[in-house]
């Protein structure tokens, strides 16, 4: 897949995810302009604040997961990833987060793998649940594990195919952009991606990145 084609997939994904909070901002501003009741205006301002925070959190996460955040250094502070994940999924209490990454830094490509696996796992928790995020270095390599647990988990088969590299490059849909990015980054590094699903409401993603 050509770089500009993949960039268009990522842009489509970004626009899709930002449409809801940005649309809510627009609607809230329109309501605020017409509303005279003090209590309703206060409620409008509250909703505007929530939508603004949601938009900012999404942008911070996507900047790390898809963009060039982290500066020009080869290694990125993993605390940035934790803050981005908590901002995206931890704000409303729908998803409980457990961070089990002791490594202080991680390569940019590894960090993108971790963040995009978290994005896929969080999206799969359609009724909320729990996300466990772990990473551990070994002999210069890195193992990443993301575990999702909830009452209902839905993983689009197209995402599973993209993670495994079984999708035709010219048929990747925007919703599978994160999964395809994980596959490409791991494959370029000579690693492997694993996906395990169970009937007990558990989804497990794993990625092994050699030294």
N, C-alpha and C. Protein backbone atom coordinates (compact mmCIF):
# COMPACT_ATOMS: atom_id res chain seq x y z
N UNK A 1 0.85 -1.20 0.00
CA UNK A 1 0.00 0.00 0.00
C UNK A 1 0.88 1.24 0.00
N UNK A 2 0.56 2.20 -0.87
CA UNK A 2 1.33 3.42 -0.95
C UNK A 2 1.08 4.28 0.29
N UNK A 3 2.09 5.09 0.63
CA UNK A 3 2.01 5.87 1.86
C UNK A 3 0.83 6.84 1.85
N UNK A 4 0.54 7.46 0.69
CA UNK A 4 -0.56 8.42 0.66
C UNK A 4 -1.90 7.73 0.80
N UNK A 5 -2.00 6.46 0.33
CA UNK A 5 -3.24 5.71 0.50
C UNK A 5 -3.47 5.38 1.96
N UNK A 6 -2.39 4.99 2.64
CA UNK A 6 -2.52 4.69 4.07
C UNK A 6 -2.82 5.94 4.86
N UNK A 7 -2.21 7.06 4.46
CA UNK A 7 -2.50 8.33 5.14
C UNK A 7 -3.98 8.69 5.01
N UNK A 8 -4.57 8.40 3.86
CA UNK A 8 -6.00 8.70 3.68
C UNK A 8 -6.86 7.82 4.58
N UNK A 9 -6.43 6.57 4.80
CA UNK A 9 -7.16 5.69 5.71
C UNK A 9 -7.13 6.25 7.13
N UNK A 10 -5.94 6.69 7.57
CA UNK A 10 -5.81 7.24 8.91
C UNK A 10 -6.65 8.52 9.05
N UNK A 11 -6.64 9.36 8.01
CA UNK A 11 -7.43 10.60 8.06
C UNK A 11 -8.91 10.29 8.17
N UNK A 12 -9.36 9.27 7.45
CA UNK A 12 -10.77 8.88 7.52
C UNK A 12 -11.12 8.40 8.92
N UNK A 13 -10.21 7.62 9.51
CA UNK A 13 -10.44 7.14 10.88
C UNK A 13 -10.50 8.31 11.86
N UNK A 14 -9.57 9.25 11.73
CA UNK A 14 -9.54 10.41 12.61
C UNK A 14 -10.82 11.22 12.49
N UNK A 15 -11.24 11.47 11.27
CA UNK A 15 -12.46 12.27 11.05
C UNK A 15 -13.67 11.57 11.65
N UNK A 16 -13.73 10.25 11.50
CA UNK A 16 -14.86 9.48 12.05
C UNK A 16 -14.91 9.61 13.56
N UNK A 17 -13.76 9.49 14.22
CA UNK A 17 -13.73 9.51 15.68
C UNK A 17 -13.92 10.90 16.26
N UNK A 18 -13.54 11.91 15.50
CA UNK A 18 -13.67 13.29 16.00
C UNK A 18 -15.01 13.92 15.65
N UNK A 19 -15.76 13.29 14.75
CA UNK A 19 -17.02 13.87 14.30
C UNK A 19 -18.01 14.06 15.44
N UNK A 20 -18.10 13.07 16.34
CA UNK A 20 -19.08 13.14 17.42
C UNK A 20 -18.78 14.27 18.41
N UNK A 21 -17.57 14.34 19.00
CA UNK A 21 -17.33 15.44 19.97
C UNK A 21 -17.32 16.81 19.32
N UNK A 22 -16.81 16.94 18.09
CA UNK A 22 -16.79 18.23 17.43
C UNK A 22 -18.21 18.65 17.05
N UNK A 23 -19.02 17.68 16.61
CA UNK A 23 -20.42 17.97 16.32
C UNK A 23 -21.18 18.41 17.56
N UNK A 24 -20.85 17.78 18.69
CA UNK A 24 -21.49 18.18 19.95
C UNK A 24 -21.10 19.60 20.34
N UNK A 25 -19.84 19.97 20.07
CA UNK A 25 -19.41 21.35 20.32
C UNK A 25 -20.21 22.34 19.49
N UNK A 26 -20.38 22.03 18.23
CA UNK A 26 -21.13 22.90 17.33
C UNK A 26 -22.58 23.05 17.79
N UNK A 27 -23.21 21.92 18.14
CA UNK A 27 -24.60 21.96 18.60
C UNK A 27 -24.73 22.74 19.90
N UNK A 28 -23.76 22.54 20.80
CA UNK A 28 -23.80 23.24 22.08
C UNK A 28 -23.67 24.74 21.92
N UNK A 29 -22.83 25.17 21.01
CA UNK A 29 -22.67 26.62 20.77
C UNK A 29 -23.95 27.21 20.20
N UNK A 30 -24.60 26.48 19.30
CA UNK A 30 -25.87 26.96 18.73
C UNK A 30 -26.94 27.07 19.81
N UNK A 31 -27.02 26.06 20.69
CA UNK A 31 -28.00 26.10 21.77
C UNK A 31 -27.71 27.24 22.73
N UNK A 32 -26.44 27.44 23.01
CA UNK A 32 -26.05 28.49 23.95
C UNK A 32 -26.45 29.87 23.42
N UNK A 33 -26.37 30.04 22.10
CA UNK A 33 -26.73 31.33 21.53
C UNK A 33 -28.21 31.63 21.60
N UNK A 34 -29.04 30.57 21.64
CA UNK A 34 -30.49 30.77 21.66
C UNK A 34 -31.08 30.68 23.06
N UNK A 35 -30.35 30.10 23.99
CA UNK A 35 -30.89 29.83 25.33
C UNK A 35 -30.71 31.02 26.26
N UNK A 36 -31.79 31.35 26.99
CA UNK A 36 -31.75 32.47 27.93
C UNK A 36 -31.83 32.02 29.38
N UNK A 37 -32.34 30.81 29.60
CA UNK A 37 -32.49 30.31 30.96
C UNK A 37 -31.11 30.05 31.58
N UNK A 38 -30.82 30.62 32.77
CA UNK A 38 -29.49 30.47 33.37
C UNK A 38 -29.09 29.01 33.62
N UNK A 39 -30.05 28.19 34.07
CA UNK A 39 -29.72 26.79 34.35
C UNK A 39 -29.39 26.03 33.06
N UNK A 40 -30.16 26.31 32.01
CA UNK A 40 -29.90 25.64 30.73
C UNK A 40 -28.58 26.11 30.13
N UNK A 41 -28.26 27.39 30.29
CA UNK A 41 -26.99 27.90 29.79
C UNK A 41 -25.81 27.25 30.54
N UNK A 42 -26.00 27.05 31.84
CA UNK A 42 -24.94 26.39 32.62
C UNK A 42 -24.75 24.96 32.15
N UNK A 43 -25.88 24.30 31.85
CA UNK A 43 -25.81 22.92 31.34
C UNK A 43 -25.14 22.88 29.97
N UNK A 44 -25.44 23.84 29.13
CA UNK A 44 -24.80 23.91 27.82
C UNK A 44 -23.30 24.08 27.95
N UNK A 45 -22.89 24.95 28.87
CA UNK A 45 -21.46 25.17 29.09
C UNK A 45 -20.78 23.90 29.60
N UNK A 46 -21.49 23.16 30.45
CA UNK A 46 -20.94 21.90 30.96
C UNK A 46 -20.75 20.90 29.83
N UNK A 47 -21.75 20.80 28.94
CA UNK A 47 -21.64 19.88 27.81
C UNK A 47 -20.54 20.32 26.84
N UNK A 48 -20.39 21.63 26.67
CA UNK A 48 -19.32 22.13 25.81
C UNK A 48 -17.95 21.75 26.38
N UNK A 49 -17.82 21.87 27.70
CA UNK A 49 -16.56 21.49 28.34
C UNK A 49 -16.25 20.02 28.16
N UNK A 50 -17.27 19.16 28.31
CA UNK A 50 -17.08 17.72 28.14
C UNK A 50 -16.66 17.40 26.71
N UNK A 51 -17.32 18.03 25.74
CA UNK A 51 -16.99 17.77 24.34
C UNK A 51 -15.59 18.28 23.99
N UNK A 52 -15.21 19.42 24.55
CA UNK A 52 -13.87 19.96 24.30
C UNK A 52 -12.81 19.04 24.87
N UNK A 53 -13.03 18.52 26.08
CA UNK A 53 -12.07 17.60 26.68
C UNK A 53 -11.97 16.31 25.88
N UNK A 54 -13.12 15.80 25.43
CA UNK A 54 -13.12 14.57 24.63
C UNK A 54 -12.35 14.76 23.34
N UNK A 55 -12.54 15.91 22.69
CA UNK A 55 -11.82 16.20 21.45
C UNK A 55 -10.32 16.29 21.70
N UNK A 56 -9.94 17.00 22.75
CA UNK A 56 -8.52 17.16 23.07
C UNK A 56 -7.87 15.82 23.41
N UNK A 57 -8.58 14.98 24.18
CA UNK A 57 -8.04 13.68 24.56
C UNK A 57 -7.85 12.78 23.35
N UNK A 58 -8.82 12.81 22.44
CA UNK A 58 -8.68 12.01 21.22
C UNK A 58 -7.49 12.46 20.40
N UNK A 59 -7.33 13.77 20.26
CA UNK A 59 -6.22 14.30 19.47
C UNK A 59 -4.87 13.95 20.09
N UNK A 60 -4.78 14.03 21.42
CA UNK A 60 -3.52 13.67 22.10
C UNK A 60 -3.19 12.19 21.86
N UNK A 61 -4.21 11.35 21.95
CA UNK A 61 -3.99 9.92 21.74
C UNK A 61 -3.58 9.65 20.30
N UNK A 62 -4.31 10.21 19.34
CA UNK A 62 -4.03 9.95 17.93
C UNK A 62 -2.66 10.51 17.53
N UNK A 63 -2.26 11.61 18.15
CA UNK A 63 -0.95 12.18 17.84
C UNK A 63 0.17 11.20 18.19
N UNK A 64 0.01 10.49 19.31
CA UNK A 64 0.99 9.49 19.69
C UNK A 64 0.83 8.20 18.88
N UNK A 65 -0.42 7.77 18.68
CA UNK A 65 -0.67 6.48 18.04
C UNK A 65 -0.41 6.50 16.54
N UNK A 66 -0.69 7.63 15.89
CA UNK A 66 -0.57 7.71 14.44
C UNK A 66 0.50 8.70 13.97
N UNK A 67 0.79 9.72 14.78
CA UNK A 67 1.63 10.81 14.33
C UNK A 67 3.07 10.72 14.78
N UNK A 68 3.70 11.88 14.82
CA UNK A 68 5.13 11.96 15.12
C UNK A 68 5.38 12.55 16.50
N UNK A 69 4.47 12.33 17.44
CA UNK A 69 4.66 12.84 18.79
C UNK A 69 5.84 12.16 19.45
N UNK A 70 6.41 12.84 20.44
CA UNK A 70 7.53 12.27 21.17
C UNK A 70 8.86 12.87 20.80
N UNK A 71 8.85 13.84 19.87
CA UNK A 71 10.10 14.49 19.50
C UNK A 71 10.92 13.66 18.53
N UNK A 72 12.20 14.00 18.44
CA UNK A 72 13.09 13.36 17.47
C UNK A 72 13.90 12.21 18.07
N UNK A 73 13.76 11.97 19.34
CA UNK A 73 14.50 10.88 19.98
C UNK A 73 13.95 9.53 19.55
N UNK A 74 14.81 8.50 19.61
CA UNK A 74 14.37 7.15 19.24
C UNK A 74 13.43 6.56 20.28
N UNK A 75 13.61 6.94 21.55
CA UNK A 75 12.81 6.39 22.63
C UNK A 75 11.81 7.44 23.14
N UNK A 76 10.62 6.97 23.53
CA UNK A 76 9.56 7.85 24.02
C UNK A 76 9.21 7.44 25.44
N UNK A 77 8.94 8.42 26.29
CA UNK A 77 8.54 8.18 27.67
C UNK A 77 7.19 7.45 27.68
N UNK A 78 7.14 6.28 28.32
CA UNK A 78 5.90 5.50 28.34
C UNK A 78 4.80 6.18 29.16
N UNK A 79 5.18 7.15 30.01
CA UNK A 79 4.16 7.87 30.77
C UNK A 79 3.25 8.66 29.83
N UNK A 80 3.79 9.09 28.70
CA UNK A 80 2.96 9.78 27.71
C UNK A 80 1.86 8.87 27.20
N UNK A 81 2.20 7.61 26.96
CA UNK A 81 1.20 6.65 26.49
C UNK A 81 0.13 6.41 27.56
N UNK A 82 0.57 6.30 28.80
CA UNK A 82 -0.40 6.07 29.88
C UNK A 82 -1.38 7.22 30.01
N UNK A 83 -0.87 8.45 29.96
CA UNK A 83 -1.75 9.62 30.05
C UNK A 83 -2.71 9.66 28.88
N UNK A 84 -2.23 9.32 27.68
CA UNK A 84 -3.09 9.34 26.50
C UNK A 84 -4.19 8.29 26.60
N UNK A 85 -3.85 7.11 27.08
CA UNK A 85 -4.84 6.04 27.22
C UNK A 85 -5.88 6.40 28.27
N UNK A 86 -5.42 6.93 29.41
CA UNK A 86 -6.36 7.33 30.47
C UNK A 86 -7.28 8.44 29.99
N UNK A 87 -6.77 9.36 29.18
CA UNK A 87 -7.61 10.42 28.66
C UNK A 87 -8.66 9.92 27.70
N UNK A 88 -8.30 8.91 26.90
CA UNK A 88 -9.24 8.40 25.89
C UNK A 88 -10.29 7.49 26.49
N UNK A 89 -9.89 6.61 27.42
CA UNK A 89 -10.81 5.59 27.91
C UNK A 89 -11.18 5.70 29.38
N UNK A 90 -10.44 6.48 30.14
CA UNK A 90 -10.67 6.46 31.59
C UNK A 90 -11.52 7.57 32.13
N UNK A 91 -12.01 8.46 31.27
CA UNK A 91 -12.69 9.64 31.77
C UNK A 91 -14.09 9.42 32.30
N UNK A 92 -14.86 8.54 31.65
CA UNK A 92 -16.28 8.38 32.02
C UNK A 92 -16.54 7.19 32.92
N UNK A 93 -15.51 6.44 33.27
CA UNK A 93 -15.69 5.30 34.16
C UNK A 93 -16.26 4.06 33.49
N UNK A 94 -16.49 4.14 32.19
CA UNK A 94 -17.07 2.98 31.47
C UNK A 94 -16.06 1.85 31.36
N UNK A 95 -14.78 2.21 31.28
CA UNK A 95 -13.71 1.23 31.16
C UNK A 95 -12.71 1.45 32.28
N UNK A 96 -12.40 0.39 33.01
CA UNK A 96 -11.37 0.44 34.05
C UNK A 96 -10.02 0.08 33.44
N UNK A 97 -9.01 0.82 33.81
CA UNK A 97 -7.68 0.63 33.24
C UNK A 97 -6.70 0.11 34.27
N UNK A 98 -5.85 -0.82 33.82
CA UNK A 98 -4.76 -1.31 34.65
C UNK A 98 -3.47 -1.21 33.84
N UNK A 99 -2.51 -0.45 34.34
CA UNK A 99 -1.26 -0.18 33.63
C UNK A 99 -0.15 -1.03 34.25
N UNK A 100 0.40 -1.95 33.47
CA UNK A 100 1.45 -2.85 33.96
C UNK A 100 2.68 -2.75 33.07
N UNK A 101 3.10 -1.53 32.82
CA UNK A 101 4.29 -1.26 32.00
C UNK A 101 5.33 -0.62 32.90
N UNK A 102 6.38 -1.36 33.22
CA UNK A 102 7.44 -0.84 34.09
C UNK A 102 8.55 -0.15 33.30
N UNK A 103 8.59 -0.40 32.00
CA UNK A 103 9.65 0.20 31.19
C UNK A 103 9.47 1.71 31.13
N UNK A 104 10.52 2.50 31.45
CA UNK A 104 10.37 3.96 31.43
C UNK A 104 10.28 4.53 30.03
N UNK A 105 10.90 3.85 29.07
CA UNK A 105 10.87 4.32 27.69
C UNK A 105 10.60 3.16 26.75
N UNK A 106 10.21 3.51 25.52
CA UNK A 106 9.91 2.52 24.50
C UNK A 106 10.17 3.16 23.15
N UNK A 107 10.56 2.36 22.18
CA UNK A 107 10.78 2.91 20.85
C UNK A 107 9.46 3.45 20.30
N UNK A 108 9.55 4.39 19.35
CA UNK A 108 8.34 4.99 18.80
C UNK A 108 7.45 3.95 18.14
N UNK A 109 8.07 3.03 17.40
CA UNK A 109 7.27 2.01 16.72
C UNK A 109 6.58 1.09 17.72
N UNK A 110 7.29 0.70 18.79
CA UNK A 110 6.69 -0.16 19.81
C UNK A 110 5.56 0.55 20.53
N UNK A 111 5.75 1.84 20.79
CA UNK A 111 4.71 2.61 21.46
C UNK A 111 3.46 2.71 20.59
N UNK A 112 3.65 2.85 19.29
CA UNK A 112 2.50 2.90 18.38
C UNK A 112 1.78 1.56 18.35
N UNK A 113 2.54 0.46 18.38
CA UNK A 113 1.92 -0.86 18.44
C UNK A 113 1.06 -0.98 19.69
N UNK A 114 1.62 -0.61 20.83
CA UNK A 114 0.89 -0.69 22.09
C UNK A 114 -0.38 0.16 22.05
N UNK A 115 -0.26 1.41 21.62
CA UNK A 115 -1.41 2.31 21.62
C UNK A 115 -2.50 1.84 20.67
N UNK A 116 -2.13 1.34 19.51
CA UNK A 116 -3.13 0.90 18.56
C UNK A 116 -3.80 -0.40 18.99
N UNK A 117 -3.07 -1.27 19.66
CA UNK A 117 -3.71 -2.46 20.23
C UNK A 117 -4.70 -2.07 21.33
N UNK A 118 -4.33 -1.09 22.14
CA UNK A 118 -5.24 -0.58 23.16
C UNK A 118 -6.49 0.01 22.51
N UNK A 119 -6.32 0.75 21.42
CA UNK A 119 -7.45 1.33 20.71
C UNK A 119 -8.40 0.25 20.21
N UNK A 120 -7.85 -0.81 19.63
CA UNK A 120 -8.68 -1.91 19.13
C UNK A 120 -9.40 -2.61 20.28
N UNK A 121 -8.69 -2.85 21.37
CA UNK A 121 -9.29 -3.53 22.51
C UNK A 121 -10.38 -2.68 23.15
N UNK A 122 -10.12 -1.38 23.28
CA UNK A 122 -11.12 -0.50 23.87
C UNK A 122 -12.37 -0.40 23.02
N UNK A 123 -12.20 -0.33 21.70
CA UNK A 123 -13.35 -0.28 20.80
C UNK A 123 -14.17 -1.57 20.87
N UNK A 124 -13.50 -2.69 21.15
CA UNK A 124 -14.19 -3.97 21.22
C UNK A 124 -15.07 -4.09 22.46
N UNK A 125 -14.79 -3.28 23.50
CA UNK A 125 -15.58 -3.33 24.74
C UNK A 125 -16.83 -2.45 24.56
N UNK A 126 -17.80 -2.96 23.81
CA UNK A 126 -18.96 -2.14 23.43
C UNK A 126 -19.84 -1.77 24.63
N UNK A 127 -19.77 -2.54 25.70
CA UNK A 127 -20.54 -2.23 26.91
C UNK A 127 -19.62 -1.88 28.08
N UNK A 128 -18.39 -1.54 27.76
CA UNK A 128 -17.45 -1.22 28.82
C UNK A 128 -16.84 -2.47 29.41
N UNK A 129 -15.95 -2.26 30.38
CA UNK A 129 -15.29 -3.40 31.01
C UNK A 129 -13.94 -3.00 31.57
N UNK A 130 -12.96 -3.83 31.30
CA UNK A 130 -11.63 -3.64 31.89
C UNK A 130 -10.56 -3.79 30.82
N UNK A 131 -9.56 -2.94 30.88
CA UNK A 131 -8.41 -3.02 29.98
C UNK A 131 -7.14 -3.18 30.81
N UNK A 132 -6.38 -4.22 30.54
CA UNK A 132 -5.10 -4.43 31.18
C UNK A 132 -4.01 -4.25 30.12
N UNK A 133 -3.06 -3.39 30.39
CA UNK A 133 -2.01 -3.07 29.42
C UNK A 133 -0.66 -3.39 30.04
N UNK A 134 0.10 -4.27 29.36
CA UNK A 134 1.39 -4.67 29.90
C UNK A 134 2.47 -4.71 28.82
N UNK A 135 3.71 -4.52 29.24
CA UNK A 135 4.85 -4.61 28.32
C UNK A 135 6.09 -4.94 29.13
N UNK A 136 6.94 -5.78 28.55
CA UNK A 136 8.16 -6.20 29.26
C UNK A 136 9.27 -6.45 28.25
N UNK A 137 10.45 -5.91 28.52
CA UNK A 137 11.61 -6.14 27.67
C UNK A 137 12.31 -7.43 28.06
N UNK A 138 12.88 -8.11 27.07
CA UNK A 138 13.63 -9.33 27.32
C UNK A 138 14.70 -9.48 26.24
N UNK A 139 15.94 -9.63 26.65
CA UNK A 139 17.06 -9.81 25.72
C UNK A 139 17.05 -8.75 24.62
N UNK A 140 16.66 -7.55 24.97
CA UNK A 140 16.64 -6.47 23.99
C UNK A 140 15.35 -6.37 23.22
N UNK A 141 14.53 -7.42 23.24
CA UNK A 141 13.24 -7.41 22.57
C UNK A 141 12.15 -6.92 23.51
N UNK A 142 10.92 -6.95 23.04
CA UNK A 142 9.80 -6.44 23.83
C UNK A 142 8.55 -7.26 23.58
N UNK A 143 7.87 -7.62 24.66
CA UNK A 143 6.55 -8.28 24.59
C UNK A 143 5.49 -7.29 25.04
N UNK A 144 4.43 -7.17 24.26
CA UNK A 144 3.31 -6.29 24.58
C UNK A 144 2.05 -7.14 24.70
N UNK A 145 1.29 -6.92 25.76
CA UNK A 145 0.04 -7.65 25.97
C UNK A 145 -1.05 -6.66 26.33
N UNK A 146 -2.19 -6.76 25.64
CA UNK A 146 -3.36 -5.95 25.95
C UNK A 146 -4.55 -6.90 26.13
N UNK A 147 -5.15 -6.85 27.30
CA UNK A 147 -6.25 -7.76 27.63
C UNK A 147 -7.52 -6.95 27.87
N UNK A 148 -8.59 -7.32 27.18
CA UNK A 148 -9.89 -6.69 27.36
C UNK A 148 -10.86 -7.70 27.95
N UNK A 149 -11.62 -7.26 28.96
CA UNK A 149 -12.61 -8.13 29.59
C UNK A 149 -13.89 -7.36 29.79
N UNK A 150 -15.01 -7.93 29.34
CA UNK A 150 -16.29 -7.24 29.47
C UNK A 150 -17.45 -8.18 29.20
N UNK A 151 -18.66 -7.68 29.47
CA UNK A 151 -19.85 -8.50 29.28
C UNK A 151 -20.14 -8.77 27.81
N UNK A 152 -19.68 -7.86 26.93
CA UNK A 152 -19.87 -8.07 25.50
C UNK A 152 -18.66 -7.50 24.76
N UNK A 153 -18.01 -8.37 24.02
CA UNK A 153 -16.84 -7.98 23.23
C UNK A 153 -17.11 -8.29 21.77
N UNK A 154 -16.90 -7.29 20.92
CA UNK A 154 -17.12 -7.45 19.49
C UNK A 154 -15.85 -7.04 18.76
N UNK A 155 -15.21 -7.99 18.09
CA UNK A 155 -14.04 -7.72 17.28
C UNK A 155 -14.40 -7.97 15.82
N UNK A 156 -14.41 -6.92 15.03
CA UNK A 156 -14.72 -7.02 13.61
C UNK A 156 -13.75 -8.01 12.95
N UNK A 157 -14.28 -9.02 12.22
CA UNK A 157 -13.39 -9.97 11.55
C UNK A 157 -12.38 -9.30 10.62
N UNK A 158 -12.75 -8.15 10.03
CA UNK A 158 -11.83 -7.44 9.15
C UNK A 158 -10.61 -6.93 9.92
N UNK A 159 -10.81 -6.55 11.18
CA UNK A 159 -9.69 -6.11 12.01
C UNK A 159 -8.74 -7.28 12.29
N UNK A 160 -9.33 -8.42 12.56
CA UNK A 160 -8.53 -9.62 12.84
C UNK A 160 -7.69 -9.99 11.62
N UNK A 161 -8.29 -9.91 10.44
CA UNK A 161 -7.58 -10.21 9.21
C UNK A 161 -6.45 -9.20 8.97
N UNK A 162 -6.73 -7.93 9.24
CA UNK A 162 -5.71 -6.90 9.04
C UNK A 162 -4.53 -7.10 9.99
N UNK A 163 -4.81 -7.47 11.24
CA UNK A 163 -3.74 -7.73 12.20
C UNK A 163 -2.84 -8.87 11.75
N UNK A 164 -3.46 -9.88 11.14
CA UNK A 164 -2.70 -11.04 10.68
C UNK A 164 -2.04 -10.81 9.32
N UNK A 165 -2.37 -9.69 8.67
CA UNK A 165 -1.83 -9.43 7.34
C UNK A 165 -2.51 -10.20 6.25
N UNK A 166 -3.74 -10.69 6.53
CA UNK A 166 -4.48 -11.49 5.55
C UNK A 166 -5.38 -10.65 4.65
N UNK A 167 -5.46 -9.35 4.89
CA UNK A 167 -6.31 -8.48 4.08
C UNK A 167 -5.53 -7.99 2.85
N UNK A 168 -6.22 -7.91 1.72
CA UNK A 168 -5.60 -7.32 0.53
C UNK A 168 -5.37 -5.84 0.78
N UNK A 169 -4.20 -5.35 0.41
CA UNK A 169 -3.84 -3.97 0.72
C UNK A 169 -4.80 -2.96 0.13
N UNK A 170 -5.36 -3.29 -1.04
CA UNK A 170 -6.27 -2.34 -1.69
C UNK A 170 -7.70 -2.45 -1.18
N UNK A 171 -7.90 -3.31 -0.16
CA UNK A 171 -9.25 -3.49 0.39
C UNK A 171 -9.31 -3.15 1.87
N UNK A 172 -8.29 -2.50 2.41
CA UNK A 172 -8.29 -2.11 3.81
C UNK A 172 -9.27 -0.96 4.01
N UNK A 173 -10.22 -1.13 4.93
CA UNK A 173 -11.20 -0.08 5.23
C UNK A 173 -10.64 0.84 6.31
N UNK A 174 -11.14 2.10 6.37
CA UNK A 174 -10.65 3.03 7.40
C UNK A 174 -10.75 2.47 8.81
N UNK A 175 -11.80 1.69 9.09
CA UNK A 175 -11.96 1.16 10.44
C UNK A 175 -10.84 0.18 10.80
N UNK A 176 -10.14 -0.35 9.78
CA UNK A 176 -9.06 -1.31 10.02
C UNK A 176 -7.69 -0.66 9.96
N UNK A 177 -7.63 0.68 9.88
CA UNK A 177 -6.35 1.36 9.74
C UNK A 177 -5.42 1.07 10.92
N UNK A 178 -5.96 1.09 12.15
CA UNK A 178 -5.12 0.84 13.33
C UNK A 178 -4.57 -0.58 13.32
N UNK A 179 -5.41 -1.53 12.93
CA UNK A 179 -4.98 -2.94 12.89
C UNK A 179 -3.91 -3.14 11.82
N UNK A 180 -4.08 -2.51 10.66
CA UNK A 180 -3.10 -2.64 9.59
C UNK A 180 -1.77 -1.98 9.99
N UNK A 181 -1.84 -0.86 10.70
CA UNK A 181 -0.63 -0.21 11.16
C UNK A 181 0.14 -1.11 12.12
N UNK A 182 -0.57 -1.77 13.02
CA UNK A 182 0.08 -2.71 13.94
C UNK A 182 0.77 -3.82 13.16
N UNK A 183 0.05 -4.40 12.21
CA UNK A 183 0.65 -5.48 11.40
C UNK A 183 1.92 -5.01 10.70
N UNK A 184 1.87 -3.83 10.07
CA UNK A 184 3.02 -3.33 9.33
C UNK A 184 4.21 -3.07 10.23
N UNK A 185 3.98 -2.43 11.38
CA UNK A 185 5.07 -2.11 12.30
C UNK A 185 5.72 -3.37 12.86
N UNK A 186 4.88 -4.34 13.24
CA UNK A 186 5.42 -5.58 13.81
C UNK A 186 6.13 -6.40 12.74
N UNK A 187 5.53 -6.49 11.55
CA UNK A 187 6.15 -7.25 10.47
C UNK A 187 7.48 -6.62 10.05
N UNK A 188 7.54 -5.30 9.97
CA UNK A 188 8.79 -4.62 9.60
C UNK A 188 9.89 -4.89 10.62
N UNK A 189 9.49 -5.10 11.89
CA UNK A 189 10.48 -5.37 12.92
C UNK A 189 10.79 -6.85 13.08
N UNK A 190 10.20 -7.70 12.23
CA UNK A 190 10.45 -9.13 12.33
C UNK A 190 9.75 -9.80 13.48
N UNK A 191 8.66 -9.19 13.96
CA UNK A 191 7.92 -9.72 15.11
C UNK A 191 6.67 -10.47 14.72
N UNK A 192 5.79 -10.64 15.69
CA UNK A 192 4.58 -11.42 15.49
C UNK A 192 3.44 -10.84 16.32
N UNK A 193 2.22 -10.91 15.77
CA UNK A 193 1.02 -10.46 16.47
C UNK A 193 0.14 -11.67 16.76
N UNK A 194 -0.39 -11.74 17.97
CA UNK A 194 -1.31 -12.82 18.34
C UNK A 194 -2.65 -12.23 18.77
N UNK A 195 -3.73 -12.93 18.42
CA UNK A 195 -5.08 -12.56 18.84
C UNK A 195 -5.76 -13.79 19.40
N UNK A 196 -6.29 -13.66 20.63
CA UNK A 196 -7.01 -14.78 21.25
C UNK A 196 -8.34 -14.27 21.79
N UNK A 197 -9.40 -14.98 21.44
CA UNK A 197 -10.73 -14.66 21.93
C UNK A 197 -11.28 -15.85 22.69
N UNK A 198 -12.07 -15.58 23.73
CA UNK A 198 -12.70 -16.66 24.48
C UNK A 198 -14.19 -16.36 24.64
N UNK A 199 -14.94 -17.37 24.97
CA UNK A 199 -16.38 -17.21 25.17
C UNK A 199 -16.70 -16.59 26.52
N UNK A 200 -15.70 -16.39 27.36
CA UNK A 200 -15.91 -15.82 28.69
C UNK A 200 -15.81 -14.29 28.69
N UNK A 201 -15.90 -13.68 27.54
CA UNK A 201 -15.83 -12.22 27.48
C UNK A 201 -14.43 -11.68 27.66
N UNK A 202 -13.44 -12.36 27.08
CA UNK A 202 -12.05 -11.94 27.19
C UNK A 202 -11.44 -11.90 25.79
N UNK A 203 -10.74 -10.83 25.51
CA UNK A 203 -10.01 -10.66 24.25
C UNK A 203 -8.57 -10.33 24.60
N UNK A 204 -7.63 -11.03 23.95
CA UNK A 204 -6.22 -10.85 24.28
C UNK A 204 -5.43 -10.57 23.01
N UNK A 205 -4.72 -9.45 23.03
CA UNK A 205 -3.79 -9.11 21.95
C UNK A 205 -2.37 -9.23 22.47
N UNK A 206 -1.51 -9.78 21.65
CA UNK A 206 -0.10 -9.84 22.01
C UNK A 206 0.77 -9.48 20.83
N UNK A 207 1.89 -8.86 21.09
CA UNK A 207 2.85 -8.52 20.04
C UNK A 207 4.25 -8.73 20.57
N UNK A 208 5.07 -9.42 19.79
CA UNK A 208 6.46 -9.67 20.14
C UNK A 208 7.34 -8.93 19.15
N UNK A 209 8.18 -8.05 19.67
CA UNK A 209 9.10 -7.27 18.83
C UNK A 209 10.52 -7.65 19.19
N UNK A 210 11.25 -8.32 18.29
CA UNK A 210 12.62 -8.72 18.58
C UNK A 210 13.54 -7.53 18.74
N UNK A 211 14.73 -7.78 19.25
CA UNK A 211 15.72 -6.72 19.40
C UNK A 211 16.12 -6.20 18.03
